[in-house]
Each structure stands twice: as structure tokens, then as C-alpha cells.
Amino acid sequence: MVKCRLLVSRFQRAGTNVPRGSQLARQWKLVQLLAGRLGRTLAQLAGELGVTKRTLQRDIEVLTEAGFAVTSDMRNGTVFWHFMEGFHAEAPIALTLTEQMALYFSKGLFKPLQGTPIYDSLESAIQKIGSQLPAQSFKFLRGLDQGIAVSSFGWKDYSHSKEVIDALTRAVFNKFTVRILHRAPYRDRAIEREVDPYKLWYVNNGLYLVGHDYKENDLRTFAVDRIQSTTLTNRRFEIPPDFNFDEFQKTAFNVIWGEPQEVKIRFSTSQAPYIRERTWHPSQKIEAQADGSIILTLNVGDLWEVKHWLIGFGAEAQVLEPSTLRKDITDEFKLLARRDNCLPNRRRKLKEDGYGQGD
């Protein structure tokens, strides 16, 4: 049906009457036969389509009027029919409505990478696909952003990382060791490192480099926005056969992986529906409780990311295991409570000292 719709679009653009169903299907088959390298005689075409030569000649005339470059040549006294050399009968790209929508969803999801080679390439791909569509379809494709919206929360600005991303992309796909200048958030200055870049990883609106760090002699993850410069060396590398990114990724709650440990959290009745609606981690298991609450079980490699996620739920989430995570969150809330309790005393002292009196 998609191919027949392409044929219909050619008729419409040429201002030619669109054939009926069976006729259209026959003419589409004729298009496929004419696309063959050697071509076919009228007798061969008529036999394969099950029509008379007269009907076949009318079909060829219809295709010619619709813009199909049909021609013929004589070989050994026999006339062969085919398309002119270099003519493509089919539109290179045929997109359904949902495929067009998926393109725009992906464009929205990658919006944090605007200004980088990745986003620019996606824009270019959409433009090329659109240029192969009928005018009406291309107009519809460009108008999809009026009916689709994709929002991101807490995304990073990669507009200043264009050269870094371009260099890392080339290094990843050509397997060149790179020399990067990377500044961790807890350091005062950037440190030069040599890394074998295994993969670029886009997760939760952030772009990361995964690779072997020679300085630490270990597999590391680097936030790309913290890489100030990237230089390709002339040394090539091979990814170790035992490296399995999917397995590493499974242990990470977000981007930090490690040895998996079991975490159990009880969520209140009010939060249970919200937790059920999402997949928080591939390992998750949910157990319903008699009071309407649920227990979420995860196996993750690092508790720091889990702790900061759970703090946002406040008293609606209770850590059952491990005890170290429960203690960390308890200590965090105690610290917050002490800070809040200090505020009234601080305000009272300022007032006693004459501050805040309006003069």
C-alpha cells in the first residue's frame, strides 16, 4: 500500500487522473518490471501482467504522463522497454505518519545537543528525507512540531562542545586513542588524560564518554561537557572482547555503575501508582502490600544516585535495605532539619541587632 501511495502521489503531482484500485496495483507492478536492468518486451510484460498488449501500451502512456521516464531500445531486432538510465521510479524514502512523528520525537529528545554535530546531522537527515517527499507530505512533516512537544528537564548546554564531540565521534568510530583535558567538578584545574574511547553514551539529557582511562588503568565515564579539549593520537586500540556495555549499564541507576547490591524501598499508598507507572531500572521488582503501599526492589551498583533520587520523595519513601543507605538518608534529613531550625534564631538575632527595621 505504501508503494501504491507513492505512485498515486506521482499521478497527483503530474495532474493525471489516479487509476482505480486494480489498475493502480497493475501499474505499480509494471513500474517494478520496467525498473529491471535488462528491460522486457511488450509480450513479456503483457504475459506477466495478464493483460493485452493494447492495455499494456495504455498503461505505459499513463506512466509517461505521470513523469515516469519510460523508453525503449532495439536489440537484435527486438524492442525492449525499461526506464531511462539513472531514473529512480520509487521515492528513496516512504514514511508513514507514525514514522514522521517518530522523527520529530527524536529531534525533540536530542534538543539538548543543539549546536553539536549530532543534532546538526539529525536536522540535515530530516531535511534530506523531506526533500524526497511530495510537497504536501513535506509541509506536513515540517508542521508536526505544532502537534508534538518534547520537553527536557535539567539539560546541559553543549553548544560550546561542538569540536570536542566531533573529535570524539571520529575517535570512537575509527578507534583512535585520544588525549583529553578533563575538569572534574571537585577539582580546581583540568587534568590531561589518555583514553581509549569505547562509546558515546547519551542518558538523561547528558552525553558521556565511556572508555579505558590510562591514568587510572580502569574503565571510566566522563561527562563530555567537562572535557575542554580532545586530541586524536596516531595510536589505534581494540575494545577488549570481555567488555559488555549492556552489562555495565544494567548495574547503573543512572550513570555510575559498580558491583550490584540489593535495595528495597517502601513507597506510600499515594506514591505507589506513580512508581508503578515507570521503569526505574531494568532489575526492578514491585511487591504490592495489603495497606496499598508497594515495595520496590532494585539491584544497582552505586547508592549515591539512589539516595538523591529518594530524598525527593521525602517521608513517602522508606528505605528497608540496605541499612547504610537508610542511615545516609536519615543523616541528610537531620542536617536539613538543623539548618531549618537555625533560621528563626538567625532572623531573631538580626532583628535584635536592629536589622530589618525599615530604616
Protein backbone atom coordinates (compact mmCIF):
# COMPACT_ATOMS: atom_id res chain seq x y z
CA MET A 1 0.00 0.00 0.00
CA VAL A 2 2.85 2.39 0.77
CA LYS A 3 4.34 1.84 -2.69
CA CYS A 4 0.97 2.36 -4.35
CA ARG A 5 0.55 5.62 -2.46
CA LEU A 6 3.89 6.75 -3.89
CA LEU A 7 2.55 6.02 -7.35
CA VAL A 8 -0.63 7.97 -6.54
CA SER A 9 1.49 10.96 -5.47
CA ARG A 10 3.22 10.93 -8.86
CA PHE A 11 -0.11 10.99 -10.64
CA GLN A 12 -1.31 13.84 -8.44
CA ARG A 13 1.81 15.94 -8.98
CA ALA A 14 1.52 15.40 -12.75
CA GLY A 15 -2.16 16.37 -12.74
CA THR A 16 -3.08 12.93 -14.11
CA ASN A 17 -6.21 11.06 -13.08
CA VAL A 18 -5.44 8.47 -10.44
CA PRO A 19 -6.25 4.91 -11.63
CA ARG A 20 -8.64 2.70 -9.73
CA GLY A 21 -7.50 0.03 -7.27
CA SER A 22 -6.77 -2.98 -9.51
CA GLN A 23 -5.47 -0.75 -12.28
CA LEU A 24 -3.19 1.06 -9.86
CA ALA A 25 -1.83 -2.22 -8.49
CA ARG A 26 -1.17 -3.45 -12.03
CA GLN A 27 0.62 -0.26 -12.99
CA TRP A 28 2.73 -0.41 -9.87
CA LYS A 29 3.79 -3.92 -10.83
CA LEU A 30 4.59 -2.55 -14.29
CA VAL A 31 6.82 0.07 -12.66
CA GLN A 32 8.71 -2.71 -10.87
CA LEU A 33 9.13 -4.69 -14.09
CA LEU A 34 10.37 -1.66 -16.04
CA ALA A 35 12.95 -0.98 -13.32
CA GLY A 36 14.82 -4.15 -14.26
CA ARG A 37 18.27 -3.64 -15.75
CA LEU A 38 17.67 -5.56 -18.98
CA GLY A 39 14.13 -4.41 -19.70
CA ARG A 40 11.30 -6.53 -21.12
CA THR A 41 9.47 -6.90 -24.39
CA LEU A 42 5.79 -5.97 -24.70
CA ALA A 43 4.96 -9.67 -24.95
CA GLN A 44 6.85 -10.43 -21.73
CA LEU A 45 5.24 -7.55 -19.90
CA ALA A 46 1.74 -8.44 -21.11
CA GLY A 47 2.24 -12.07 -20.11
CA GLU A 48 3.49 -11.23 -16.59
CA LEU A 49 0.68 -8.74 -16.01
CA GLY A 50 -2.04 -10.87 -17.62
CA VAL A 51 -3.28 -8.13 -19.97
CA THR A 52 -3.37 -7.49 -23.69
CA LYS A 53 -0.64 -5.54 -25.46
CA ARG A 54 -3.17 -2.74 -26.12
CA THR A 55 -3.91 -2.40 -22.40
CA LEU A 56 -0.20 -2.53 -21.66
CA GLN A 57 0.53 0.30 -24.13
CA ARG A 58 -2.15 2.43 -22.46
CA ASP A 59 -0.55 1.76 -19.08
CA ILE A 60 2.85 2.84 -20.41
CA GLU A 61 1.28 6.06 -21.73
CA VAL A 62 -0.28 6.74 -18.31
CA LEU A 63 3.07 6.23 -16.58
CA THR A 64 4.81 8.53 -19.06
CA GLU A 65 2.24 11.28 -18.45
CA ALA A 66 2.78 10.87 -14.70
CA GLY A 67 6.51 11.59 -15.09
CA PHE A 68 7.99 8.09 -15.36
CA ALA A 69 10.91 8.11 -17.81
CA VAL A 70 9.87 5.08 -19.90
CA THR A 71 11.94 4.37 -23.01
CA SER A 72 12.68 1.51 -25.39
CA ASP A 73 15.59 0.29 -27.49
CA MET A 74 16.12 -2.27 -30.21
CA ARG A 75 18.34 -5.29 -29.58
CA ASN A 76 18.80 -7.95 -32.23
CA GLY A 77 15.57 -6.92 -33.86
CA THR A 78 13.53 -6.99 -30.63
CA VAL A 79 12.19 -3.93 -28.78
CA PHE A 80 12.84 -3.85 -25.01
CA TRP A 81 11.05 -1.46 -22.67
CA HIS A 82 12.64 -0.03 -19.50
CA PHE A 83 13.30 3.18 -17.56
CA MET A 84 15.97 5.60 -18.73
CA GLU A 85 19.37 5.08 -17.14
CA GLY A 86 19.66 6.94 -13.83
CA PHE A 87 15.90 7.24 -13.34
CA HIS A 88 14.60 6.05 -9.95
CA ALA A 89 10.98 5.01 -10.11
CA GLU A 90 10.49 4.86 -6.37
CA ALA A 91 10.89 7.74 -3.96
CA PRO A 92 14.02 6.88 -1.92
CA ILE A 93 12.11 7.31 1.33
CA ALA A 94 8.49 6.39 2.07
CA LEU A 95 7.36 7.40 5.54
CA THR A 96 4.16 6.55 7.37
CA LEU A 97 2.54 9.11 9.68
CA THR A 98 3.94 7.40 12.78
CA GLU A 99 7.42 7.27 11.23
CA GLN A 100 7.26 11.00 10.53
CA MET A 101 6.13 11.62 14.10
CA ALA A 102 8.98 9.44 15.41
CA LEU A 103 11.46 11.64 13.54
CA TYR A 104 10.18 14.71 15.31
CA PHE A 105 10.11 12.99 18.68
CA SER A 106 13.77 12.03 18.24
CA LYS A 107 14.59 15.60 17.23
CA GLY A 108 12.99 16.87 20.44
CA LEU A 109 14.73 14.30 22.60
CA PHE A 110 18.11 15.37 21.22
CA LYS A 111 17.39 19.09 21.60
CA PRO A 112 19.92 19.37 24.48
CA LEU A 113 22.58 18.59 21.85
CA GLN A 114 21.55 21.56 19.69
CA GLY A 115 24.57 23.17 18.06
CA THR A 116 26.57 19.92 18.04
CA PRO A 117 27.38 17.66 15.06
CA ILE A 118 24.87 15.08 16.34
CA TYR A 119 21.90 17.46 16.33
CA ASP A 120 23.02 19.18 13.11
CA SER A 121 23.20 15.78 11.39
CA LEU A 122 19.70 14.89 12.58
CA GLU A 123 18.40 18.20 11.20
CA SER A 124 20.17 17.51 7.91
CA ALA A 125 18.72 13.99 7.72
CA ILE A 126 15.18 15.30 8.25
CA GLN A 127 15.77 17.91 5.54
CA LYS A 128 17.00 15.27 3.07
CA ILE A 129 14.09 12.96 3.81
CA GLY A 130 11.67 15.83 3.41
CA SER A 131 13.16 16.82 0.06
CA GLN A 132 12.23 13.39 -1.33
CA LEU A 133 8.60 13.65 -0.24
CA PRO A 134 5.73 15.20 -2.19
CA ALA A 135 5.25 18.88 -1.35
CA GLN A 136 2.14 18.19 0.71
CA SER A 137 3.87 15.49 2.76
CA PHE A 138 6.92 17.68 3.33
CA LYS A 139 4.69 20.52 4.53
CA PHE A 140 3.00 18.09 6.90
CA LEU A 141 6.37 16.82 8.16
CA ARG A 142 7.53 20.35 8.95
CA GLY A 143 4.21 21.13 10.62
CA LEU A 144 4.40 18.23 13.04
CA ASP A 145 6.05 20.41 15.67
CA GLN A 146 2.68 22.15 16.07
CA GLY A 147 1.17 18.90 17.31
CA ILE A 148 4.15 17.37 19.12
CA ALA A 149 6.10 18.80 22.03
CA VAL A 150 9.10 17.28 23.81
CA SER A 151 10.45 18.92 26.96
CA SER A 152 13.66 18.23 28.83
CA PHE A 153 14.46 18.94 32.46
CA GLY A 154 17.91 19.86 33.66
CA TRP A 155 19.60 19.55 30.29
CA LYS A 156 23.14 20.73 29.64
CA ASP A 157 24.41 23.26 27.11
CA TYR A 158 26.61 21.53 24.53
CA SER A 159 26.85 24.46 22.12
CA HIS A 160 30.46 25.03 23.24
CA SER A 161 31.39 21.34 22.88
CA LYS A 162 30.99 21.04 19.12
CA GLU A 163 34.67 20.45 18.33
CA VAL A 164 35.06 18.04 21.26
CA ILE A 165 32.04 15.96 20.20
CA ASP A 166 33.19 15.93 16.58
CA ALA A 167 36.65 14.71 17.58
CA LEU A 168 35.27 12.08 19.99
CA THR A 169 32.87 10.78 17.35
CA ARG A 170 35.73 10.26 14.89
CA ALA A 171 37.86 8.64 17.59
CA VAL A 172 35.11 6.23 18.69
CA PHE A 173 34.31 5.00 15.19
CA ASN A 174 37.92 4.86 13.96
CA LYS A 175 39.27 3.52 17.28
CA PHE A 176 41.91 6.16 17.94
CA THR A 177 43.26 6.76 21.45
CA VAL A 178 42.52 10.36 22.48
CA ARG A 179 44.18 12.88 24.75
CA ILE A 180 41.54 14.83 26.66
CA LEU A 181 41.70 17.76 29.04
CA HIS A 182 39.03 17.00 31.62
CA ARG A 183 37.99 19.01 34.66
CA ALA A 184 36.05 17.18 37.36
CA PRO A 185 33.60 19.35 39.36
CA TYR A 186 35.56 18.80 42.58
CA ARG A 187 38.92 19.86 41.09
CA ASP A 188 40.33 23.37 40.66
CA ARG A 189 42.01 22.61 37.34
CA ALA A 190 41.67 20.32 34.35
CA ILE A 191 43.78 17.16 34.13
CA GLU A 192 45.13 15.66 30.92
CA ARG A 193 44.25 12.02 30.37
CA GLU A 194 44.75 9.46 27.63
CA VAL A 195 41.63 7.43 26.95
CA ASP A 196 40.58 4.65 24.60
CA PRO A 197 37.07 5.86 23.72
CA TYR A 198 34.75 2.85 23.55
CA LYS A 199 31.40 4.59 23.30
CA LEU A 200 29.48 7.88 23.46
CA TRP A 201 26.54 7.44 25.84
CA TYR A 202 23.53 9.75 25.85
CA VAL A 203 21.50 9.28 29.02
CA ASN A 204 19.09 11.56 30.94
CA ASN A 205 19.87 14.61 28.79
CA GLY A 206 23.60 14.17 29.30
CA LEU A 207 26.33 12.99 26.93
CA TYR A 208 29.14 10.84 28.35
CA LEU A 209 32.31 9.24 27.08
CA VAL A 210 32.89 5.63 28.19
CA GLY A 211 36.39 4.26 27.80
CA HIS A 212 39.62 2.96 29.28
CA ASP A 213 41.46 5.65 31.24
CA TYR A 214 45.22 5.05 31.17
CA LYS A 215 45.81 7.31 34.17
CA GLU A 216 43.56 5.21 36.42
CA ASN A 217 44.05 1.99 34.40
CA ASP A 218 40.32 1.40 34.62
CA LEU A 219 37.04 1.79 32.76
CA ARG A 220 35.73 5.32 33.36
CA THR A 221 32.83 7.57 32.40
CA PHE A 222 33.49 11.23 31.56
CA ALA A 223 30.85 13.95 31.18
CA VAL A 224 31.50 15.40 27.72
CA ASP A 225 30.64 18.96 28.78
CA ARG A 226 33.56 18.80 31.24
CA ILE A 227 36.05 17.88 28.50
CA GLN A 228 37.76 21.13 27.50
CA SER A 229 39.70 19.75 24.53
CA THR A 230 40.23 16.50 22.64
CA THR A 231 43.20 15.50 20.52
CA LEU A 232 43.38 12.30 18.47
CA THR A 233 46.68 10.43 18.78
CA ASN A 234 48.07 8.24 15.99
CA ARG A 235 47.59 5.12 18.12
CA ARG A 236 44.73 2.75 17.48
CA PHE A 237 43.12 0.43 20.02
CA GLU A 238 40.83 -2.58 20.12
CA ILE A 239 37.92 -2.89 22.53
CA PRO A 240 38.56 -5.87 24.84
CA PRO A 241 36.37 -8.86 23.94
CA ASP A 242 35.13 -9.10 27.54
CA PHE A 243 33.79 -5.53 27.51
CA ASN A 244 29.98 -5.64 27.53
CA PHE A 245 28.46 -2.19 27.74
CA ASP A 246 24.93 -3.51 28.21
CA GLU A 247 26.01 -5.47 31.29
CA PHE A 248 27.80 -2.46 32.76
CA GLN A 249 24.80 -0.26 32.06
CA LYS A 250 22.43 -2.64 33.83
CA THR A 251 24.14 -2.04 37.18
CA ALA A 252 23.93 1.77 36.94
CA PHE A 253 20.93 3.53 38.42
CA ASN A 254 21.84 6.50 36.25
CA VAL A 255 25.45 6.71 35.02
CA ILE A 256 27.51 5.27 37.92
CA TRP A 257 27.99 1.53 37.73
CA GLY A 258 29.63 -1.00 40.05
CA GLU A 259 29.07 -4.24 41.91
CA PRO A 260 25.27 -4.70 42.20
CA GLN A 261 23.69 -4.54 45.64
CA GLU A 262 20.06 -5.05 46.58
CA VAL A 263 17.96 -2.04 47.55
CA LYS A 264 14.42 -2.28 48.98
CA ILE A 265 12.20 0.79 49.34
CA ARG A 266 8.64 1.02 50.60
CA PHE A 267 6.56 3.70 48.87
CA SER A 268 3.39 5.07 50.42
CA THR A 269 -0.10 4.45 49.08
CA SER A 270 -0.19 7.89 47.47
CA GLN A 271 3.10 7.34 45.61
CA ALA A 272 2.51 3.69 44.66
CA PRO A 273 0.65 4.46 41.37
CA TYR A 274 3.42 6.86 40.29
CA ILE A 275 6.14 4.29 40.97
CA ARG A 276 4.21 1.54 39.17
CA GLU A 277 3.85 3.64 36.01
CA ARG A 278 7.56 3.78 35.24
CA THR A 279 10.55 1.54 34.74
CA TRP A 280 13.17 2.98 37.08
CA HIS A 281 15.74 0.25 36.50
CA PRO A 282 15.89 -2.98 34.43
CA SER A 283 16.23 -5.05 37.64
CA GLN A 284 13.19 -3.62 39.39
CA LYS A 285 10.57 -5.78 41.09
CA ILE A 286 7.39 -4.43 42.68
CA GLU A 287 5.50 -6.15 45.50
CA ALA A 288 2.03 -4.91 46.44
CA GLN A 289 1.29 -4.59 50.16
CA ALA A 290 -2.03 -5.09 51.94
CA ASP A 291 -2.23 -1.42 53.00
CA GLY A 292 -1.89 -0.18 49.40
CA SER A 293 1.80 0.64 49.61
CA ILE A 294 4.41 -1.13 47.49
CA ILE A 295 7.97 -2.37 47.95
CA LEU A 296 10.36 -1.61 45.10
CA THR A 297 13.44 -3.84 44.83
CA LEU A 298 16.45 -2.82 42.74
CA ASN A 299 19.93 -4.21 42.13
CA VAL A 300 22.23 -1.27 41.47
CA GLY A 301 25.96 -0.61 41.60
CA ASP A 302 26.05 2.73 43.42
CA LEU A 303 23.85 4.14 46.20
CA TRP A 304 24.71 7.84 45.80
CA GLU A 305 22.36 8.29 42.84
CA VAL A 306 19.60 6.29 44.55
CA LYS A 307 19.94 8.42 47.71
CA HIS A 308 19.45 11.70 45.85
CA TRP A 309 16.50 10.26 43.95
CA LEU A 310 14.78 9.08 47.14
CA ILE A 311 15.27 12.36 49.01
CA GLY A 312 12.82 13.95 46.62
CA PHE A 313 10.05 11.66 47.89
CA GLY A 314 10.53 12.77 51.49
CA ALA A 315 8.52 10.75 54.01
CA GLU A 316 6.67 8.96 51.19
CA ALA A 317 9.67 6.61 50.72
CA GLN A 318 11.16 4.38 53.42
CA VAL A 319 14.42 2.52 52.85
CA LEU A 320 14.20 -1.05 54.10
CA GLU A 321 17.57 -2.26 52.81
CA PRO A 322 20.50 -1.70 52.94
CA SER A 323 20.94 -0.11 56.35
CA THR A 324 23.82 2.07 55.07
CA LEU A 325 21.50 3.79 52.61
CA ARG A 326 18.84 4.25 55.28
CA LYS A 327 21.43 5.85 57.62
CA ASP A 328 22.73 8.17 54.85
CA ILE A 329 19.23 9.47 54.11
CA THR A 330 18.41 9.84 57.82
CA ASP A 331 21.60 11.85 58.37
CA GLU A 332 20.76 14.03 55.36
CA PHE A 333 17.33 14.88 56.74
CA LYS A 334 18.78 15.58 60.20
CA LEU A 335 21.20 18.03 58.63
CA LEU A 336 18.35 19.74 56.77
CA ALA A 337 16.30 19.93 59.96
CA ARG A 338 19.19 21.52 61.89
CA ARG A 339 19.63 24.13 59.16
CA ASP A 340 15.90 24.93 59.14
CA ASN A 341 15.82 25.21 62.95
CA CYS A 342 18.67 27.70 62.83
CA LEU A 343 16.82 30.10 60.53
CA PRO A 344 14.31 31.52 63.10
CA ASN A 345 17.10 32.10 65.61
CA ARG A 346 19.17 33.86 62.97
CA ARG A 347 16.24 36.10 61.98
CA ARG A 348 15.54 36.94 65.67
CA LYS A 349 19.17 37.94 66.27
CA LEU A 350 19.20 40.18 63.19
CA LYS A 351 16.06 41.92 64.48
CA GLU A 352 17.56 42.42 67.93
CA ASP A 353 20.64 43.94 66.33
CA GLY A 354 18.49 46.50 64.54
CA TYR A 355 18.44 44.99 61.05
CA GLY A 356 15.26 44.76 59.02
CA GLN A 357 13.53 47.73 60.71
CA GLY A 358 12.84 49.61 57.51
CA ASP A 359 15.36 52.40 58.08
